[in-house]
Structures are given as structure tokens and as C-alpha cells.
Amino acid sequence: MSTGEMMSWWVSASALYVMLAVILFSLLNYFKGDSLCRWLSALQQFSSTKPAVKLEEVKKQLFVGLGRERSHDPLLRERGAIRILEIGVGTGSNFTYYPPDSRLVVVDPNPNFARYYHAHKERFSHIRCERVITATGERMDMVPDNSVDAVVMTLVLCTIDDPGRILQQIIRVLVPGGKFYFFEHIREFDGERHRLRQKLQDLLTTTGIAPYFLEGCCLNKDMLPAIGAAGFSKVSAERFYAPIDNFVYQLVKPCLRGVAEK
């Protein structure tokens, strides 16, 4: 391909990306408000179908290690229990993977979580919620140093402007030897095979479309370098593709999961 042909291809591809972004922005703006609420409800309904079940199996494999942790607290260790801090719990979708008699500290900016938990606590009978803190992970200074055996965070770092700050908080609250369990969608990591996905992730993020409509979510972040540089004694992680084929989830198919030890 000549230089002129390459330039023509680049201009055509860029125009296509811009046109797709404009169309998508227009559609999303139309659906905003009550219509958007109905659209999100439909997505939540879809999340209980087969693709999400496959994804939950991936999370289940990640959280197996929680059952092998031993608490730093002598009283909890005697009971075979551990203290877990979860940042950004949402509706508690990770709770089902927590070991019996887990002691839970919740940090979430949503002030409605405490009411939700108490209304559905029969679903979480294996968990004792010790404290619900309405705050972001970057501002959880009220959690004491060296006080939790494990920190869990899933699909949260994509919304964080300063991941280094929240990672330092995580290290601070973990006991020596405590573990940080993480699962995130990330920027496409194979630009040769999936260049279009990578470009669309960048476009929808840099134009502000994805953060605007997805509560601050950025599609083109890769958190592994920040986690590796945060100061953990050991990081075990992998980038992988989520086992979901439905087109709805293609932009978040590249994922990262792992465990970091203080």
C-alpha cells in the first residue's frame, strides 16, 4: 500500500469512527432520562442470562483464595473467620463468594447501600456487616490502618481518576500479608488483532461519551501498571478476554484479574 493510499485509508477510518461516535451519542442522548432507565433495566435483566453466568464463574475462581485466608485478628482466626473490606459493592454480587462468618466493612459512595443490605440480609446470612461507610475508596481515611485481612474491588478502578491514591489506601488498611483481590475490564491489549475495539474504546472515552453515560466509567484504562507500581510485595495478575460473545459486551471483553499481597 502506497503512502497516499495509507493516508486515504486513515482519513476514511477516522471519519467512520467519528460518525459512529456521533450516532451513538445521539442515540444515548435520546435514551437519557426515563427511557435510559428502562434501557438500563433491560440490560440488568440481560445480566442474569448465560453470558453473565460465564463471567461469574471467572469471578468465582478468583475468589477461591478468600477461603484460604487466615485472619490477623486472634479472635477471628480462632473462629476461622476473616475481615473483608469491599470497595464499591453495588448490589453485593460478590458476597456469594465470601467464606462463612465473614466480617464485612463496606466502602461505597451510594448512601442507599445500608438500606439495601438490611432489606436483603437474609440472602447474606454467612456475612456479618460490621460497618457501612459512605465514601469513595480514595477517601476511606476512617478505616483504621492494618485492620482488614482482604480488600475486594471489582469493576471500580475504571471510574477512578487517580488509581494510585486508592491503591495506597488499600495498602494502608490491609494487615501485613493481607490480599487485594481485583477484577476489572480494561483497554484492549492486542492492538494488532482488535484494533477497531481499541480505537472505539479510546474514542468513546476521550470524547466523554462513555464516562457521561456510564457513571464515570472509562473504557480505555489498564490498571495493571498502577497496581504493579503501588508498592505491594507481590502481584499475581493476568489479562484475558471475558467468556462472553454477545455484542452488547464487546467493548468490555478485555479484562484483568489478580491478587496483590501487602
C-alpha atoms as a PDB file:
ATOM      1  CA  MET A   1       0.000   0.000   0.000  1.00  0.00           C
ATOM      2  CA  SER A   2       1.423   3.400  -1.010  1.00  0.00           C
ATOM      3  CA  THR A   3       1.739   6.360   1.353  1.00  0.00           C
ATOM      4  CA  GLY A   4      -1.166   8.080  -0.363  1.00  0.00           C
ATOM      5  CA  GLU A   5      -3.343   5.016  -0.072  1.00  0.00           C
ATOM      6  CA  MET A   6      -2.454   4.631   3.598  1.00  0.00           C
ATOM      7  CA  MET A   7      -3.338   8.275   4.257  1.00  0.00           C
ATOM      8  CA  SER A   8      -6.649   7.863   2.444  1.00  0.00           C
ATOM      9  CA  TRP A   9      -7.431   4.732   4.493  1.00  0.00           C
ATOM     10  CA  TRP A  10      -6.582   6.539   7.730  1.00  0.00           C
ATOM     11  CA  VAL A  11      -8.832   9.500   6.876  1.00  0.00           C
ATOM     12  CA  SER A  12     -11.698   7.175   5.905  1.00  0.00           C
ATOM     13  CA  ALA A  13     -11.305   5.102   9.097  1.00  0.00           C
ATOM     14  CA  SER A  14     -11.172   8.228  11.271  1.00  0.00           C
ATOM     15  CA  ALA A  15     -14.290   9.592   9.604  1.00  0.00           C
ATOM     16  CA  LEU A  16     -16.043   6.308  10.270  1.00  0.00           C
ATOM     17  CA  TYR A  17     -15.113   6.400  13.966  1.00  0.00           C
ATOM     18  CA  VAL A  18     -16.341   9.978  14.295  1.00  0.00           C
ATOM     19  CA  MET A  19     -19.604   9.143  12.524  1.00  0.00           C
ATOM     20  CA  LEU A  20     -20.155   6.126  14.786  1.00  0.00           C
ATOM     21  CA  ALA A  21     -19.491   8.271  17.850  1.00  0.00           C
ATOM     22  CA  VAL A  22     -21.971  10.929  16.732  1.00  0.00           C
ATOM     23  CA  ILE A  23     -24.652   8.319  16.024  1.00  0.00           C
ATOM     24  CA  LEU A  24     -24.058   6.595  19.353  1.00  0.00           C
ATOM     25  CA  PHE A  25     -24.077   9.885  21.266  1.00  0.00           C
ATOM     26  CA  SER A  26     -27.342  10.886  19.596  1.00  0.00           C
ATOM     27  CA  LEU A  27     -28.967   7.569  20.437  1.00  0.00           C
ATOM     28  CA  LEU A  28     -27.782   7.634  24.029  1.00  0.00           C
ATOM     29  CA  ASN A  29     -28.907  11.234  24.444  1.00  0.00           C
ATOM     30  CA  TYR A  30     -32.331  10.199  23.166  1.00  0.00           C
ATOM     31  CA  PHE A  31     -32.480   7.371  25.675  1.00  0.00           C
ATOM     32  CA  LYS A  32     -31.370   9.538  28.572  1.00  0.00           C
ATOM     33  CA  GLY A  33     -33.873  10.083  31.387  1.00  0.00           C
ATOM     34  CA  ASP A  34     -36.813   7.726  31.834  1.00  0.00           C
ATOM     35  CA  SER A  35     -36.065   5.981  28.569  1.00  0.00           C
ATOM     36  CA  LEU A  36     -32.488   5.379  29.712  1.00  0.00           C
ATOM     37  CA  CYS A  37     -33.785   3.905  32.978  1.00  0.00           C
ATOM     38  CA  ARG A  38     -35.898   1.443  31.025  1.00  0.00           C
ATOM     39  CA  TRP A  39     -32.914   0.636  28.804  1.00  0.00           C
ATOM     40  CA  LEU A  40     -30.687   0.002  31.832  1.00  0.00           C
ATOM     41  CA  SER A  41     -33.379  -2.201  33.345  1.00  0.00           C
ATOM     42  CA  ALA A  42     -33.330  -4.276  30.188  1.00  0.00           C
ATOM     43  CA  LEU A  43     -29.566  -4.623  30.493  1.00  0.00           C
ATOM     44  CA  GLN A  44     -29.910  -5.709  34.129  1.00  0.00           C
ATOM     45  CA  GLN A  45     -32.384  -8.345  33.024  1.00  0.00           C
ATOM     46  CA  PHE A  46     -29.916  -9.486  30.387  1.00  0.00           C
ATOM     47  CA  SER A  47     -27.166  -9.688  33.036  1.00  0.00           C
ATOM     48  CA  SER A  48     -28.840 -12.735  34.565  1.00  0.00           C
ATOM     49  CA  THR A  49     -28.572 -14.685  31.328  1.00  0.00           C
ATOM     50  CA  LYS A  50     -25.895 -17.071  30.124  1.00  0.00           C
ATOM     51  CA  PRO A  51     -23.107 -14.553  29.264  1.00  0.00           C
ATOM     52  CA  ALA A  52     -23.129 -13.137  32.808  1.00  0.00           C
ATOM     53  CA  VAL A  53     -23.228 -16.633  34.299  1.00  0.00           C
ATOM     54  CA  LYS A  54     -19.981 -17.426  32.466  1.00  0.00           C
ATOM     55  CA  LEU A  55     -18.435 -14.232  33.788  1.00  0.00           C
ATOM     56  CA  GLU A  56     -19.493 -15.024  37.338  1.00  0.00           C
ATOM     57  CA  GLU A  57     -17.671 -18.342  37.033  1.00  0.00           C
ATOM     58  CA  VAL A  58     -14.480 -16.394  36.325  1.00  0.00           C
ATOM     59  CA  LYS A  59     -15.030 -14.316  39.457  1.00  0.00           C
ATOM     60  CA  LYS A  60     -15.719 -17.436  41.479  1.00  0.00           C
ATOM     61  CA  GLN A  61     -12.322 -18.831  40.501  1.00  0.00           C
ATOM     62  CA  LEU A  62     -10.649 -15.586  41.553  1.00  0.00           C
ATOM     63  CA  PHE A  63     -12.268 -15.546  44.993  1.00  0.00           C
ATOM     64  CA  VAL A  64     -11.421 -19.160  45.886  1.00  0.00           C
ATOM     65  CA  GLY A  65      -8.389 -17.792  47.728  1.00  0.00           C
ATOM     66  CA  LEU A  66     -10.577 -15.950  50.235  1.00  0.00           C
ATOM     67  CA  GLY A  67     -11.498 -19.275  51.804  1.00  0.00           C
ATOM     68  CA  ARG A  68      -7.805 -19.990  52.491  1.00  0.00           C
ATOM     69  CA  GLU A  69      -7.014 -16.696  54.202  1.00  0.00           C
ATOM     70  CA  ARG A  70      -6.281 -16.637  57.947  1.00  0.00           C
ATOM     71  CA  SER A  71      -7.205 -13.547  59.915  1.00  0.00           C
ATOM     72  CA  HIS A  72      -4.669 -11.290  61.588  1.00  0.00           C
ATOM     73  CA  ASP A  73      -7.211 -10.813  64.397  1.00  0.00           C
ATOM     74  CA  PRO A  74      -6.718 -13.602  67.001  1.00  0.00           C
ATOM     75  CA  LEU A  75     -10.427 -13.800  67.814  1.00  0.00           C
ATOM     76  CA  LEU A  76     -11.452 -14.086  64.165  1.00  0.00           C
ATOM     77  CA  ARG A  77      -8.654 -16.541  63.462  1.00  0.00           C
ATOM     78  CA  GLU A  78      -9.909 -18.758  66.265  1.00  0.00           C
ATOM     79  CA  ARG A  79     -13.352 -18.777  64.637  1.00  0.00           C
ATOM     80  CA  GLY A  80     -11.911 -19.410  61.189  1.00  0.00           C
ATOM     81  CA  ALA A  81     -13.312 -16.051  60.043  1.00  0.00           C
ATOM     82  CA  ILE A  82     -11.737 -13.132  58.177  1.00  0.00           C
ATOM     83  CA  ARG A  83     -12.462  -9.422  57.866  1.00  0.00           C
ATOM     84  CA  ILE A  84     -13.098  -8.236  54.298  1.00  0.00           C
ATOM     85  CA  LEU A  85     -13.358  -4.678  53.056  1.00  0.00           C
ATOM     86  CA  GLU A  86     -15.165  -4.258  49.758  1.00  0.00           C
ATOM     87  CA  ILE A  87     -14.990  -1.011  47.827  1.00  0.00           C
ATOM     88  CA  GLY A  88     -17.958  -0.241  45.594  1.00  0.00           C
ATOM     89  CA  VAL A  89     -20.203  -3.187  46.427  1.00  0.00           C
ATOM     90  CA  GLY A  90     -23.139  -2.284  44.177  1.00  0.00           C
ATOM     91  CA  THR A  91     -25.853  -4.851  44.957  1.00  0.00           C
ATOM     92  CA  GLY A  92     -23.473  -7.259  46.689  1.00  0.00           C
ATOM     93  CA  SER A  93     -22.897  -9.552  43.722  1.00  0.00           C
ATOM     94  CA  ASN A  94     -19.565 -10.692  45.214  1.00  0.00           C
ATOM     95  CA  PHE A  95     -20.990 -11.675  48.594  1.00  0.00           C
ATOM     96  CA  THR A  96     -21.916 -15.156  47.473  1.00  0.00           C
ATOM     97  CA  TYR A  97     -18.195 -15.954  47.146  1.00  0.00           C
ATOM     98  CA  TYR A  98     -17.267 -14.866  50.675  1.00  0.00           C
ATOM     99  CA  PRO A  99     -16.339 -17.550  53.246  1.00  0.00           C
ATOM    100  CA  PRO A 100     -18.700 -18.433  56.117  1.00  0.00           C
ATOM    101  CA  ASP A 101     -18.772 -15.988  59.040  1.00  0.00           C
ATOM    102  CA  SER A 102     -17.043 -13.248  57.055  1.00  0.00           C
ATOM    103  CA  ARG A 103     -16.903  -9.859  58.771  1.00  0.00           C
ATOM    104  CA  LEU A 104     -17.607  -7.153  56.213  1.00  0.00           C
ATOM    105  CA  VAL A 105     -16.677  -3.493  56.026  1.00  0.00           C
ATOM    106  CA  VAL A 106     -18.296  -1.665  53.109  1.00  0.00           C
ATOM    107  CA  VAL A 107     -16.988   1.485  51.465  1.00  0.00           C
ATOM    108  CA  ASP A 108     -19.385   2.802  48.835  1.00  0.00           C
ATOM    109  CA  PRO A 109     -20.389   6.317  47.749  1.00  0.00           C
ATOM    110  CA  ASN A 110     -24.002   5.180  47.361  1.00  0.00           C
ATOM    111  CA  PRO A 111     -25.822   6.131  50.594  1.00  0.00           C
ATOM    112  CA  ASN A 112     -28.620   3.654  49.853  1.00  0.00           C
ATOM    113  CA  PHE A 113     -26.489   0.545  50.259  1.00  0.00           C
ATOM    114  CA  ALA A 114     -27.044   0.157  54.017  1.00  0.00           C
ATOM    115  CA  ARG A 115     -30.819   0.130  53.494  1.00  0.00           C
ATOM    116  CA  TYR A 116     -30.463  -2.350  50.667  1.00  0.00           C
ATOM    117  CA  TYR A 117     -28.246  -4.655  52.737  1.00  0.00           C
ATOM    118  CA  HIS A 118     -30.607  -4.722  55.706  1.00  0.00           C
ATOM    119  CA  ALA A 119     -33.583  -5.353  53.414  1.00  0.00           C
ATOM    120  CA  HIS A 120     -31.865  -8.356  51.846  1.00  0.00           C
ATOM    121  CA  LYS A 121     -29.566  -9.580  54.600  1.00  0.00           C
ATOM    122  CA  GLU A 122     -31.278 -12.977  54.677  1.00  0.00           C
ATOM    123  CA  ARG A 123     -29.542 -13.562  51.332  1.00  0.00           C
ATOM    124  CA  PHE A 124     -26.208 -12.932  53.029  1.00  0.00           C
ATOM    125  CA  SER A 125     -26.589 -14.974  56.205  1.00  0.00           C
ATOM    126  CA  HIS A 126     -22.922 -16.058  56.042  1.00  0.00           C
ATOM    127  CA  ILE A 127     -21.790 -12.410  56.334  1.00  0.00           C
ATOM    128  CA  ARG A 128     -21.828 -10.100  59.321  1.00  0.00           C
ATOM    129  CA  CYS A 129     -21.690  -6.497  58.141  1.00  0.00           C
ATOM    130  CA  GLU A 130     -19.671  -4.573  60.725  1.00  0.00           C
ATOM    131  CA  ARG A 131     -19.718  -1.146  59.146  1.00  0.00           C
ATOM    132  CA  VAL A 132     -21.029   0.698  56.093  1.00  0.00           C
ATOM    133  CA  ILE A 133     -19.043   3.791  55.175  1.00  0.00           C
ATOM    134  CA  THR A 134     -20.493   6.202  52.635  1.00  0.00           C
ATOM    135  CA  ALA A 135     -17.365   7.352  50.846  1.00  0.00           C
ATOM    136  CA  THR A 136     -15.161   6.663  47.877  1.00  0.00           C
ATOM    137  CA  GLY A 137     -12.157   4.393  48.187  1.00  0.00           C
ATOM    138  CA  GLU A 138      -9.820   7.368  47.858  1.00  0.00           C
ATOM    139  CA  ARG A 139     -11.391   8.952  50.952  1.00  0.00           C
ATOM    140  CA  MET A 140     -11.746   5.997  53.326  1.00  0.00           C
ATOM    141  CA  ASP A 141      -9.464   7.543  55.968  1.00  0.00           C
ATOM    142  CA  MET A 142     -11.890   6.435  58.707  1.00  0.00           C
ATOM    143  CA  VAL A 143     -10.889   2.782  58.133  1.00  0.00           C
ATOM    144  CA  PRO A 144      -8.022   2.064  60.570  1.00  0.00           C
ATOM    145  CA  ASP A 145      -4.550   1.120  59.405  1.00  0.00           C
ATOM    146  CA  ASN A 146      -3.736  -2.615  59.259  1.00  0.00           C
ATOM    147  CA  SER A 147      -7.326  -3.576  60.074  1.00  0.00           C
ATOM    148  CA  VAL A 148      -8.629  -5.839  57.275  1.00  0.00           C
ATOM    149  CA  ASP A 149      -7.443  -9.224  56.054  1.00  0.00           C
ATOM    150  CA  ALA A 150      -8.592  -8.767  52.458  1.00  0.00           C
ATOM    151  CA  VAL A 151      -9.796  -5.998  50.181  1.00  0.00           C
ATOM    152  CA  VAL A 152     -12.123  -6.772  47.270  1.00  0.00           C
ATOM    153  CA  MET A 153     -12.762  -4.412  44.384  1.00  0.00           C
ATOM    154  CA  THR A 154     -14.429  -5.323  41.094  1.00  0.00           C
ATOM    155  CA  LEU A 155     -15.267  -3.028  38.173  1.00  0.00           C
ATOM    156  CA  VAL A 156     -14.446   0.105  40.146  1.00  0.00           C
ATOM    157  CA  LEU A 157     -10.975   1.233  39.058  1.00  0.00           C
ATOM    158  CA  CYS A 158     -12.323   2.128  35.609  1.00  0.00           C
ATOM    159  CA  THR A 159     -14.075   5.093  37.254  1.00  0.00           C
ATOM    160  CA  ILE A 160     -11.110   6.322  39.326  1.00  0.00           C
ATOM    161  CA  ASP A 161      -9.187   9.396  38.157  1.00  0.00           C
ATOM    162  CA  ASP A 162      -6.232   8.731  40.464  1.00  0.00           C
ATOM    163  CA  PRO A 163      -5.787   4.954  40.893  1.00  0.00           C
ATOM    164  CA  GLY A 164      -2.523   5.463  42.778  1.00  0.00           C
ATOM    165  CA  ARG A 165      -4.376   7.197  45.598  1.00  0.00           C
ATOM    166  CA  ILE A 166      -6.937   4.463  46.134  1.00  0.00           C
ATOM    167  CA  LEU A 167      -4.245   1.773  45.900  1.00  0.00           C
ATOM    168  CA  GLN A 168      -2.266   3.495  48.657  1.00  0.00           C
ATOM    169  CA  GLN A 169      -5.398   3.474  50.809  1.00  0.00           C
ATOM    170  CA  ILE A 170      -5.801  -0.243  50.143  1.00  0.00           C
ATOM    171  CA  ILE A 171      -2.224  -0.940  51.197  1.00  0.00           C
ATOM    172  CA  ARG A 172      -2.723   1.174  54.320  1.00  0.00           C
ATOM    173  CA  VAL A 173      -5.807  -0.696  55.591  1.00  0.00           C
ATOM    174  CA  LEU A 174      -4.544  -4.199  54.801  1.00  0.00           C
ATOM    175  CA  VAL A 175      -2.806  -6.175  57.538  1.00  0.00           C
ATOM    176  CA  PRO A 176       0.766  -7.328  56.796  1.00  0.00           C
ATOM    177  CA  GLY A 177       0.402 -10.167  54.315  1.00  0.00           C
ATOM    178  CA  GLY A 178      -3.195  -9.166  53.539  1.00  0.00           C
ATOM    179  CA  LYS A 179      -4.516  -9.618  49.988  1.00  0.00           C
ATOM    180  CA  PHE A 180      -6.152  -7.316  47.469  1.00  0.00           C
ATOM    181  CA  TYR A 181      -8.494  -9.151  45.069  1.00  0.00           C
ATOM    182  CA  PHE A 182      -9.317  -7.245  41.882  1.00  0.00           C
ATOM    183  CA  PHE A 183     -11.290  -7.780  38.690  1.00  0.00           C
ATOM    184  CA  GLU A 184     -11.631  -5.047  36.057  1.00  0.00           C
ATOM    185  CA  HIS A 185     -12.411  -4.524  32.393  1.00  0.00           C
ATOM    186  CA  ILE A 186      -9.504  -2.816  30.630  1.00  0.00           C
ATOM    187  CA  ARG A 187      -8.307  -1.295  27.368  1.00  0.00           C
ATOM    188  CA  GLU A 188      -7.867  -3.755  24.513  1.00  0.00           C
ATOM    189  CA  PHE A 189      -4.377  -5.233  24.948  1.00  0.00           C
ATOM    190  CA  ASP A 190      -3.978  -6.791  21.480  1.00  0.00           C
ATOM    191  CA  GLY A 191      -3.961  -3.815  19.148  1.00  0.00           C
ATOM    192  CA  GLU A 192      -2.962  -5.888  16.133  1.00  0.00           C
ATOM    193  CA  ARG A 193      -5.899  -8.296  16.254  1.00  0.00           C
ATOM    194  CA  HIS A 194      -8.510  -5.982  17.760  1.00  0.00           C
ATOM    195  CA  ARG A 195      -7.524  -2.522  16.582  1.00  0.00           C
ATOM    196  CA  LEU A 196     -11.113  -1.402  15.973  1.00  0.00           C
ATOM    197  CA  ARG A 197     -12.144  -2.259  19.526  1.00  0.00           C
ATOM    198  CA  GLN A 198      -9.133  -0.367  20.868  1.00  0.00           C
ATOM    199  CA  LYS A 199      -9.928   2.696  18.766  1.00  0.00           C
ATOM    200  CA  LEU A 200     -13.593   2.683  19.769  1.00  0.00           C
ATOM    201  CA  GLN A 201     -12.664   2.378  23.449  1.00  0.00           C
ATOM    202  CA  ASP A 202     -10.342   5.368  23.100  1.00  0.00           C
ATOM    203  CA  LEU A 203     -12.872   7.387  21.119  1.00  0.00           C
ATOM    204  CA  LEU A 204     -15.808   6.798  23.460  1.00  0.00           C
ATOM    205  CA  THR A 205     -13.658   7.638  26.474  1.00  0.00           C
ATOM    206  CA  THR A 206     -11.768  10.691  25.212  1.00  0.00           C
ATOM    207  CA  THR A 207     -14.956  12.251  23.839  1.00  0.00           C
ATOM    208  CA  GLY A 208     -16.564  11.809  27.257  1.00  0.00           C
ATOM    209  CA  ILE A 209     -19.434   9.684  25.941  1.00  0.00           C
ATOM    210  CA  ALA A 210     -18.683   6.575  27.995  1.00  0.00           C
ATOM    211  CA  PRO A 211     -17.920   8.409  31.269  1.00  0.00           C
ATOM    212  CA  TYR A 212     -21.009  10.580  30.854  1.00  0.00           C
ATOM    213  CA  PHE A 213     -23.478   7.754  30.382  1.00  0.00           C
ATOM    214  CA  LEU A 214     -21.731   5.041  32.430  1.00  0.00           C
ATOM    215  CA  GLU A 215     -21.201   6.861  35.727  1.00  0.00           C
ATOM    216  CA  GLY A 216     -17.591   7.833  35.088  1.00  0.00           C
ATOM    217  CA  CYS A 217     -16.521   4.533  33.529  1.00  0.00           C
ATOM    218  CA  CYS A 218     -13.540   4.803  31.183  1.00  0.00           C
ATOM    219  CA  LEU A 219     -13.224   2.049  28.601  1.00  0.00           C
ATOM    220  CA  ASN A 220      -9.547   2.549  27.799  1.00  0.00           C
ATOM    221  CA  LYS A 221      -7.800   2.104  31.152  1.00  0.00           C
ATOM    222  CA  ASP A 222      -5.333  -0.653  32.015  1.00  0.00           C
ATOM    223  CA  MET A 223      -4.818  -0.746  35.790  1.00  0.00           C
ATOM    224  CA  LEU A 224      -2.045  -3.349  35.940  1.00  0.00           C
ATOM    225  CA  PRO A 225       0.882  -0.878  35.688  1.00  0.00           C
ATOM    226  CA  ALA A 226      -0.560   1.191  38.566  1.00  0.00           C
ATOM    227  CA  ILE A 227      -1.125  -1.907  40.708  1.00  0.00           C
ATOM    228  CA  GLY A 228       2.394  -3.118  39.968  1.00  0.00           C
ATOM    229  CA  ALA A 229       3.893   0.247  40.964  1.00  0.00           C
ATOM    230  CA  ALA A 230       1.771   0.773  44.092  1.00  0.00           C
ATOM    231  CA  GLY A 231       4.149  -0.980  46.499  1.00  0.00           C
ATOM    232  CA  PHE A 232       2.623  -4.423  47.007  1.00  0.00           C
ATOM    233  CA  SER A 233       5.159  -7.120  47.917  1.00  0.00           C
ATOM    234  CA  LYS A 234       3.722  -9.456  45.286  1.00  0.00           C
ATOM    235  CA  VAL A 235       1.282  -9.116  42.386  1.00  0.00           C
ATOM    236  CA  SER A 236      -0.171 -12.080  40.509  1.00  0.00           C
ATOM    237  CA  ALA A 237      -2.405 -10.981  37.624  1.00  0.00           C
ATOM    238  CA  GLU A 238      -3.471 -11.791  34.101  1.00  0.00           C
ATOM    239  CA  ARG A 239      -5.098 -10.006  31.210  1.00  0.00           C
ATOM    240  CA  PHE A 240      -7.728 -12.137  29.489  1.00  0.00           C
ATOM    241  CA  TYR A 241     -10.898 -11.991  27.426  1.00  0.00           C
ATOM    242  CA  ALA A 242     -14.154 -12.427  29.286  1.00  0.00           C
ATOM    243  CA  PRO A 243     -16.074 -15.520  28.090  1.00  0.00           C
ATOM    244  CA  ILE A 244     -18.968 -13.530  26.637  1.00  0.00           C
ATOM    245  CA  ASP A 245     -19.787 -13.313  22.942  1.00  0.00           C
ATOM    246  CA  ASN A 246     -22.873 -11.108  22.928  1.00  0.00           C
ATOM    247  CA  PHE A 247     -22.242  -7.863  21.032  1.00  0.00           C
ATOM    248  CA  VAL A 248     -23.548  -5.788  23.966  1.00  0.00           C
ATOM    249  CA  TYR A 249     -20.396  -6.553  25.956  1.00  0.00           C
ATOM    250  CA  GLN A 250     -17.723  -6.491  23.241  1.00  0.00           C
ATOM    251  CA  LEU A 251     -16.175  -3.187  24.357  1.00  0.00           C
ATOM    252  CA  VAL A 252     -15.580  -4.597  27.866  1.00  0.00           C
ATOM    253  CA  LYS A 253     -14.438  -8.055  26.814  1.00  0.00           C
ATOM    254  CA  PRO A 254     -10.735  -7.402  27.636  1.00  0.00           C
ATOM    255  CA  CYS A 255     -10.334  -7.893  31.381  1.00  0.00           C
ATOM    256  CA  LEU A 256      -7.803  -8.009  34.203  1.00  0.00           C
ATOM    257  CA  ARG A 257      -7.943 -10.165  37.322  1.00  0.00           C
ATOM    258  CA  GLY A 258      -5.500 -10.922  40.068  1.00  0.00           C
ATOM    259  CA  VAL A 259      -4.358 -10.796  43.676  1.00  0.00           C
ATOM    260  CA  ALA A 260      -1.822  -8.407  45.203  1.00  0.00           C
ATOM    261  CA  GLU A 261      -0.237  -9.040  48.589  1.00  0.00           C
ATOM    262  CA  LYS A 262       0.862  -6.329  51.024  1.00  0.00           C
END
